[in-house]
Amino acid sequence: MSRKKDLTKKPRFWESKTEKEKAFDVKAKHWAREWLDALIWAAIAAIILRTFFFGAYRIPTPSMEKTLLTGDFLIVTKLAYGPRTPMTLSVPFTDIYMPGVNLPWFRIPGYSEIQRDDIVVFNYPIDIAPISVKTNYIKRAVGMPGDELNIDNKLLFVNGEPSEEFETLMYNYRVKSLDRIRLSPAKVREAGGNTLSSGNGEYIINMTPELASDMETWPEIDSIQHYVLPEDFDSFGRRGFNFSRGFQNHDHMGPFTVPYSGQQVELTSENWHIYQDILERYERNSVQRNGDQFTINGEETNQYTIQKDYYFMMGDNRDDSEDSRYWGFVPDDHVIGKAGMIYFSWDGEKWMPRVGRMFNLIH
């Protein structure tokens, strides 16, 4: 005898949901799907903006003072010089990338070319990672492709003329006080300088030319002059950079020409330090050298044609910046964008925001 299902029996509470509960579930799933879609599209938009339009960067060191301060947060426009298409496979917003994968890339035309004295963000050339994931650096482009540069007694000359002096540049000065009167580091710091060393009434102070001029009127000051390294003082020897090993120190360099695409150079043992990274690192040639004899990609020759444009970058804090004077030129494919605006600034010593610097344009 078969049993008939009792259709009048009410379902148990865990076996069925009311229409209201079902509607709530549908609404919850719809809400979750909407949020997921929104997050996905927001992530895609952020990746596109970061890749092709703008980047956000923080200043970690004093190498650009007083133009940019440690703790400044910047908006960098990639549209200025043209954004690069992706160069490697990497996880967005991280330094994680897939080794050995180099994508074909090109630079989308920008609305301007790099101009002399632009403040430029670029990838640190001598990093060993793929170009686009190298460390970000920011410096001032003081040398353009084809420029002849010379640094004489600390001062930069471009094509035989003194380079433009900005009021925010900083140098080291030798300061002597009267009758060995103690010069207060707190007073110097409050005025905007930084006392690096002191002894016997002499001080080495890092400051702007304007502050140096003002300080000459202080009653305790005897004299102020640029602190220039002697020509025979070797400050580069232990750095290990190819470019700077041919010079004694960063106060006396040159003259030399900033390489440019199409330039014909004759390689010698004397100028090899200038071109070694260009040939081997940036333009991927195999080079063997025996004195003044060179073999490039299997061919014995001392002649080479430069394939890229290069730039010479310097920090505005001229005596506290490791820049092109140390590691050499920046290839054009390493350029990221132009520094545009300070959107936030944080004073780490005072644990306070620098409200007056926010939304300032950078130049």
Protein backbone atom coordinates (compact mmCIF):
# COMPACT_ATOMS: atom_id res chain seq x y z
CA MET A 1 0.00 0.00 0.00
CA SER A 2 1.57 3.25 -1.14
CA ARG A 3 1.69 6.26 1.06
CA LYS A 4 0.36 9.51 -0.29
CA LYS A 5 2.22 12.69 0.45
CA ASP A 6 0.40 14.81 2.97
CA LEU A 7 -0.07 18.06 1.08
CA THR A 8 -1.66 19.70 4.06
CA LYS A 9 1.44 19.35 6.20
CA LYS A 10 3.22 22.67 6.74
CA PRO A 11 6.92 22.84 5.81
CA ARG A 12 9.37 23.00 8.64
CA PHE A 13 10.95 26.44 9.28
CA TRP A 14 14.37 25.41 7.95
CA GLU A 15 12.95 23.86 4.79
CA SER A 16 11.42 26.93 3.22
CA LYS A 17 11.71 30.72 3.09
CA THR A 18 8.98 33.24 2.90
CA GLU A 19 8.53 35.35 -0.18
CA LYS A 20 9.84 38.32 1.81
CA GLU A 21 13.01 36.43 2.70
CA LYS A 22 13.51 35.35 -0.89
CA ALA A 23 13.11 38.91 -2.07
CA PHE A 24 15.65 40.06 0.52
CA ASP A 25 18.16 37.44 -0.69
CA VAL A 26 17.72 38.54 -4.29
CA LYS A 27 18.16 42.16 -3.27
CA ALA A 28 21.29 41.35 -1.23
CA LYS A 29 22.83 39.45 -4.14
CA HIS A 30 21.97 42.29 -6.48
CA TRP A 31 23.52 44.81 -4.06
CA ALA A 32 26.69 42.73 -3.71
CA ARG A 33 26.96 42.36 -7.49
CA GLU A 34 26.58 46.12 -7.95
CA TRP A 35 29.34 46.80 -5.43
CA LEU A 36 31.61 44.20 -7.01
CA ASP A 37 31.05 45.69 -10.45
CA ALA A 38 31.72 49.17 -9.08
CA LEU A 39 34.97 48.05 -7.43
CA ILE A 40 36.16 46.32 -10.60
CA TRP A 41 35.45 49.37 -12.75
CA ALA A 42 37.04 51.67 -10.16
CA ALA A 43 40.18 49.50 -10.17
CA ILE A 44 40.29 49.54 -13.97
CA ALA A 45 39.86 53.33 -14.01
CA ALA A 46 42.59 53.76 -11.38
CA ILE A 47 45.00 51.57 -13.37
CA ILE A 48 44.31 53.52 -16.56
CA LEU A 49 44.75 56.88 -14.79
CA ARG A 50 47.97 55.75 -13.11
CA THR A 51 49.41 54.24 -16.28
CA PHE A 52 48.57 56.94 -18.79
CA PHE A 53 47.66 60.16 -17.00
CA PHE A 54 48.95 60.85 -13.49
CA GLY A 55 51.11 59.41 -10.75
CA ALA A 56 51.37 60.21 -7.04
CA TYR A 57 54.82 60.33 -5.47
CA ARG A 58 56.35 61.21 -2.11
CA ILE A 59 59.66 63.03 -1.56
CA PRO A 60 61.76 60.80 0.76
CA THR A 61 65.05 62.77 0.93
CA PRO A 62 66.27 66.40 1.08
CA SER A 63 68.00 66.21 -2.33
CA MET A 64 65.55 68.71 -3.90
CA GLU A 65 65.37 71.22 -1.04
CA LYS A 66 64.33 73.95 -0.86
CA THR A 67 62.25 73.44 -3.99
CA LEU A 68 60.71 70.22 -2.68
CA LEU A 69 60.82 69.17 0.96
CA THR A 70 61.01 65.76 2.54
CA GLY A 71 57.40 64.76 3.12
CA ASP A 72 55.95 66.54 0.09
CA PHE A 73 53.40 64.46 -1.85
CA LEU A 74 53.27 65.23 -5.56
CA ILE A 75 51.02 64.81 -8.54
CA VAL A 76 53.13 63.99 -11.60
CA THR A 77 51.59 64.38 -15.04
CA LYS A 78 52.54 61.69 -17.53
CA LEU A 79 50.70 63.49 -20.32
CA ALA A 80 53.38 66.20 -20.46
CA TYR A 81 56.10 64.12 -22.12
CA GLY A 82 53.79 61.28 -23.16
CA PRO A 83 52.90 58.15 -21.18
CA ARG A 84 54.63 54.83 -21.83
CA THR A 85 52.57 51.76 -22.61
CA PRO A 86 53.21 48.86 -20.18
CA MET A 87 56.75 47.51 -20.38
CA THR A 88 56.39 44.37 -18.28
CA LEU A 89 53.76 42.23 -16.56
CA SER A 90 53.34 43.48 -13.02
CA VAL A 91 50.79 43.60 -10.23
CA PRO A 92 49.16 47.06 -10.28
CA PHE A 93 50.16 49.45 -7.45
CA THR A 94 52.98 47.11 -6.30
CA ASP A 95 56.62 46.40 -7.18
CA ILE A 96 55.78 42.78 -8.01
CA TYR A 97 56.51 41.84 -11.62
CA MET A 98 57.09 38.73 -13.74
CA PRO A 99 60.84 38.35 -14.38
CA GLY A 100 61.95 37.80 -17.94
CA VAL A 101 58.81 39.22 -19.53
CA ASN A 102 59.47 42.38 -21.56
CA LEU A 103 56.50 43.72 -23.48
CA PRO A 104 56.82 45.66 -26.74
CA TRP A 105 56.08 49.23 -25.80
CA PHE A 106 56.02 52.77 -27.15
CA ARG A 107 55.57 56.29 -25.82
CA ILE A 108 52.31 58.01 -26.66
CA PRO A 109 53.07 61.57 -27.82
CA GLY A 110 52.78 64.17 -25.05
CA TYR A 111 51.85 67.82 -25.24
CA SER A 112 55.43 69.06 -24.67
CA GLU A 113 59.08 68.10 -24.78
CA ILE A 114 61.36 68.13 -21.75
CA GLN A 115 62.64 71.66 -21.29
CA ARG A 116 65.85 72.62 -19.57
CA ASP A 117 65.29 73.03 -15.81
CA ASP A 118 62.04 71.03 -15.79
CA ILE A 119 61.60 68.96 -12.63
CA VAL A 120 61.32 65.41 -13.90
CA VAL A 121 60.35 62.06 -12.37
CA PHE A 122 62.21 59.12 -13.90
CA ASN A 123 63.29 55.55 -13.23
CA TYR A 124 66.70 55.27 -11.55
CA PRO A 125 68.85 54.18 -14.50
CA ILE A 126 71.33 51.84 -12.87
CA ASP A 127 68.76 49.68 -11.09
CA ILE A 128 68.83 46.14 -12.45
CA ALA A 129 65.03 45.68 -12.59
CA PRO A 130 62.95 46.22 -15.75
CA ILE A 131 62.71 49.92 -16.57
CA SER A 132 59.14 50.57 -15.43
CA VAL A 133 59.63 48.99 -11.99
CA LYS A 134 62.94 50.66 -11.21
CA THR A 135 63.03 53.08 -8.27
CA ASN A 136 61.45 56.47 -8.95
CA TYR A 137 63.77 59.48 -8.74
CA ILE A 138 63.03 63.18 -9.07
CA LYS A 139 65.60 65.78 -10.17
CA ARG A 140 65.95 68.89 -12.29
CA ALA A 141 66.87 68.38 -15.96
CA VAL A 142 69.87 70.71 -16.24
CA GLY A 143 71.40 69.14 -19.36
CA MET A 144 69.54 68.44 -22.60
CA PRO A 145 70.67 66.11 -25.40
CA GLY A 146 73.64 67.75 -27.14
CA ASP A 147 74.39 70.28 -24.37
CA GLU A 148 78.00 70.79 -23.33
CA LEU A 149 78.23 70.84 -19.53
CA ASN A 150 81.02 71.98 -17.26
CA ILE A 151 81.06 72.20 -13.47
CA ASP A 152 83.72 74.65 -12.32
CA ASN A 153 84.18 75.40 -8.62
CA LYS A 154 80.70 74.00 -7.90
CA LEU A 155 78.94 76.21 -10.47
CA LEU A 156 77.27 74.64 -13.52
CA PHE A 157 77.87 76.01 -17.00
CA VAL A 158 75.69 74.97 -19.96
CA ASN A 159 77.08 75.59 -23.44
CA GLY A 160 79.58 78.01 -21.94
CA GLU A 161 76.99 80.07 -20.04
CA PRO A 162 76.21 79.94 -16.29
CA SER A 163 73.08 77.90 -15.66
CA GLU A 164 70.02 79.57 -14.20
CA GLU A 165 70.22 80.03 -10.45
CA PHE A 166 66.93 79.40 -8.67
CA GLU A 167 66.30 80.98 -5.28
CA THR A 168 65.53 77.55 -3.84
CA LEU A 169 68.90 75.99 -4.72
CA MET A 170 71.04 74.98 -1.74
CA TYR A 171 74.82 74.77 -1.38
CA ASN A 172 77.34 74.12 1.35
CA TYR A 173 79.03 77.25 2.67
CA ARG A 174 82.06 77.75 4.91
CA VAL A 175 81.06 80.21 7.64
CA LYS A 176 83.51 81.85 10.06
CA SER A 177 82.33 83.56 13.24
CA LEU A 178 83.99 86.56 14.89
CA ASP A 179 86.45 85.76 17.67
CA ARG A 180 85.22 82.17 17.71
CA ILE A 181 81.79 83.26 18.90
CA ARG A 182 79.54 80.22 18.93
CA LEU A 183 76.98 80.23 16.15
CA SER A 184 73.74 78.71 17.40
CA PRO A 185 72.60 75.71 15.28
CA ALA A 186 69.04 76.44 16.43
CA LYS A 187 69.28 79.97 15.02
CA VAL A 188 70.64 78.61 11.75
CA ARG A 189 67.90 75.98 11.58
CA GLU A 190 65.18 78.54 12.32
CA ALA A 191 66.51 80.68 9.46
CA GLY A 192 66.29 77.70 7.10
CA GLY A 193 69.85 76.36 7.12
CA ASN A 194 71.40 73.12 8.30
CA THR A 195 74.69 73.06 10.22
CA LEU A 196 76.71 70.09 8.99
CA SER A 197 79.90 70.53 11.03
CA SER A 198 81.61 73.01 13.30
CA GLY A 199 84.91 73.61 15.05
CA ASN A 200 87.30 76.44 15.96
CA GLY A 201 84.84 79.11 14.92
CA GLU A 202 84.24 77.57 11.48
CA TYR A 203 81.00 76.00 10.29
CA ILE A 204 79.87 74.14 7.20
CA ILE A 205 76.24 75.14 6.62
CA ASN A 206 73.88 73.90 3.92
CA MET A 207 71.66 76.82 2.84
CA THR A 208 70.31 78.89 -0.02
CA PRO A 209 72.33 81.78 -1.52
CA GLU A 210 69.67 84.16 -0.20
CA LEU A 211 70.18 82.95 3.37
CA ALA A 212 73.95 83.14 2.93
CA SER A 213 73.58 86.77 1.87
CA ASP A 214 71.31 87.54 4.84
CA MET A 215 73.64 85.75 7.24
CA GLU A 216 76.49 88.08 6.30
CA THR A 217 74.64 90.81 8.21
CA TRP A 218 74.51 88.80 11.43
CA PRO A 219 76.71 90.45 14.08
CA GLU A 220 78.52 87.21 14.95
CA ILE A 221 79.57 86.44 11.35
CA ASP A 222 83.05 87.20 10.02
CA SER A 223 82.89 85.70 6.51
CA ILE A 224 80.90 83.34 4.28
CA GLN A 225 82.07 81.60 1.12
CA HIS A 226 81.13 78.58 -0.97
CA TYR A 227 82.59 75.37 0.42
CA VAL A 228 84.36 74.02 -2.66
CA LEU A 229 86.26 70.74 -2.70
CA PRO A 230 89.87 70.96 -3.91
CA GLU A 231 90.33 69.81 -7.50
CA ASP A 232 92.55 66.91 -6.44
CA PHE A 233 90.17 65.69 -3.71
CA ASP A 234 88.71 62.32 -4.73
CA SER A 235 85.11 62.02 -3.55
CA PHE A 236 84.04 59.56 -6.28
CA GLY A 237 86.64 56.82 -5.97
CA ARG A 238 84.72 54.50 -3.65
CA ARG A 239 81.25 55.06 -5.10
CA GLY A 240 81.57 52.35 -7.74
CA PHE A 241 79.77 54.25 -10.53
CA ASN A 242 81.21 54.03 -14.04
CA PHE A 243 80.44 57.61 -15.04
CA SER A 244 82.00 59.46 -12.11
CA ARG A 245 85.17 57.38 -11.85
CA GLY A 246 86.72 59.61 -14.54
CA PHE A 247 86.28 62.74 -12.41
CA GLN A 248 87.72 63.72 -9.04
CA ASN A 249 84.64 65.19 -7.35
CA HIS A 250 81.26 66.80 -8.01
CA ASP A 251 82.62 70.37 -7.73
CA HIS A 252 84.93 69.95 -10.74
CA MET A 253 83.61 68.02 -13.75
CA GLY A 254 83.88 68.33 -17.50
CA PRO A 255 83.52 69.63 -20.01
CA PHE A 256 81.48 66.82 -21.57
CA THR A 257 78.56 66.55 -23.98
CA VAL A 258 75.17 65.09 -23.06
CA PRO A 259 74.70 62.23 -25.59
CA TYR A 260 71.95 62.44 -28.20
CA SER A 261 70.41 60.10 -30.76
CA GLY A 262 72.54 59.95 -33.90
CA GLN A 263 75.68 61.32 -32.24
CA GLN A 264 78.90 59.77 -33.57
CA VAL A 265 81.42 59.18 -30.79
CA GLU A 266 84.98 57.90 -30.89
CA LEU A 267 85.68 55.69 -27.91
CA THR A 268 88.95 56.00 -26.01
CA SER A 269 90.25 54.77 -22.69
CA GLU A 270 89.87 58.36 -21.41
CA ASN A 271 86.18 58.78 -22.29
CA TRP A 272 85.04 55.17 -21.80
CA HIS A 273 83.73 56.01 -18.31
CA ILE A 274 81.26 58.44 -19.93
CA TYR A 275 79.90 55.98 -22.48
CA GLN A 276 80.23 52.56 -20.82
CA ASP A 277 76.75 52.45 -19.27
CA ILE A 278 75.24 53.83 -22.48
CA LEU A 279 76.70 51.10 -24.68
CA GLU A 280 76.43 48.16 -22.31
CA ARG A 281 73.49 48.89 -20.02
CA TYR A 282 71.06 51.15 -21.88
CA GLU A 283 71.68 50.21 -25.53
CA ARG A 284 72.44 46.53 -24.89
CA ASN A 285 75.74 46.10 -26.74
CA SER A 286 78.42 43.52 -26.06
CA VAL A 287 81.71 45.40 -25.64
CA GLN A 288 85.24 44.16 -25.05
CA ARG A 289 88.01 46.65 -24.41
CA ASN A 290 91.78 46.31 -24.53
CA GLY A 291 93.26 49.71 -23.76
CA ASP A 292 92.13 51.98 -26.59
CA GLN A 293 90.91 49.07 -28.73
CA PHE A 294 87.20 48.21 -28.66
CA THR A 295 85.19 45.31 -30.01
CA ILE A 296 81.46 46.09 -30.24
CA ASN A 297 79.13 43.18 -30.96
CA GLY A 298 82.03 41.23 -32.44
CA GLU A 299 83.33 44.05 -34.67
CA GLU A 300 86.61 45.82 -33.95
CA THR A 301 85.80 49.52 -33.99
CA ASN A 302 86.23 52.68 -31.94
CA GLN A 303 83.24 54.36 -33.58
CA TYR A 304 79.74 54.19 -32.18
CA THR A 305 76.43 55.91 -33.02
CA ILE A 306 74.30 56.80 -29.99
CA GLN A 307 70.79 55.34 -30.32
CA LYS A 308 68.84 57.33 -27.69
CA ASP A 309 68.54 60.82 -26.27
CA TYR A 310 69.91 61.34 -22.76
CA TYR A 311 69.48 63.92 -20.00
CA PHE A 312 71.67 65.17 -17.18
CA MET A 313 69.74 65.46 -13.90
CA MET A 314 70.77 67.29 -10.73
CA GLY A 315 69.12 67.84 -7.37
CA ASP A 316 68.49 71.40 -6.23
CA ASN A 317 70.33 70.66 -3.00
CA ARG A 318 73.58 70.60 -4.94
CA ASP A 319 75.77 69.31 -2.11
CA ASP A 320 73.31 66.74 -0.78
CA SER A 321 72.09 64.98 -3.91
CA GLU A 322 73.30 61.78 -5.54
CA ASP A 323 72.42 62.47 -9.16
CA SER A 324 73.84 62.41 -12.69
CA ARG A 325 77.15 63.72 -11.39
CA TYR A 326 77.55 60.30 -9.78
CA TRP A 327 75.77 57.71 -11.92
CA GLY A 328 75.55 59.49 -15.27
CA PHE A 329 72.88 60.20 -17.85
CA VAL A 330 69.16 59.35 -17.87
CA PRO A 331 67.93 57.65 -21.09
CA ASP A 332 64.75 59.06 -22.59
CA ASP A 333 62.92 55.74 -22.13
CA HIS A 334 63.37 56.08 -18.34
CA VAL A 335 61.42 59.36 -18.16
CA ILE A 336 58.05 59.04 -16.38
CA GLY A 337 56.60 62.53 -16.24
CA LYS A 338 56.76 66.13 -15.11
CA ALA A 339 56.25 67.18 -11.49
CA GLY A 340 53.05 69.19 -11.41
CA MET A 341 51.65 70.02 -7.99
CA ILE A 342 52.12 69.39 -4.27
CA TYR A 343 48.80 68.00 -3.05
CA PHE A 344 49.91 67.32 0.54
CA SER A 345 52.96 67.97 2.71
CA TRP A 346 53.88 66.47 6.06
CA ASP A 347 56.57 67.79 8.41
CA GLY A 348 57.96 64.65 10.04
CA GLU A 349 59.87 66.58 12.71
CA LYS A 350 56.85 68.51 13.92
CA TRP A 351 54.28 65.83 13.10
CA MET A 352 52.19 68.48 11.43
CA PRO A 353 50.99 69.07 7.86
CA ARG A 354 52.52 72.02 6.02
CA VAL A 355 49.24 73.59 4.99
CA GLY A 356 50.92 76.46 3.17
CA ARG A 357 52.56 74.07 0.68
CA MET A 358 49.41 72.22 -0.31
CA PHE A 359 48.24 72.71 -3.91
CA ASN A 360 51.37 74.67 -4.83
CA LEU A 361 52.49 74.29 -8.44
CA ILE A 362 56.03 73.00 -8.96
CA HIS A 363 58.54 74.87 -11.09
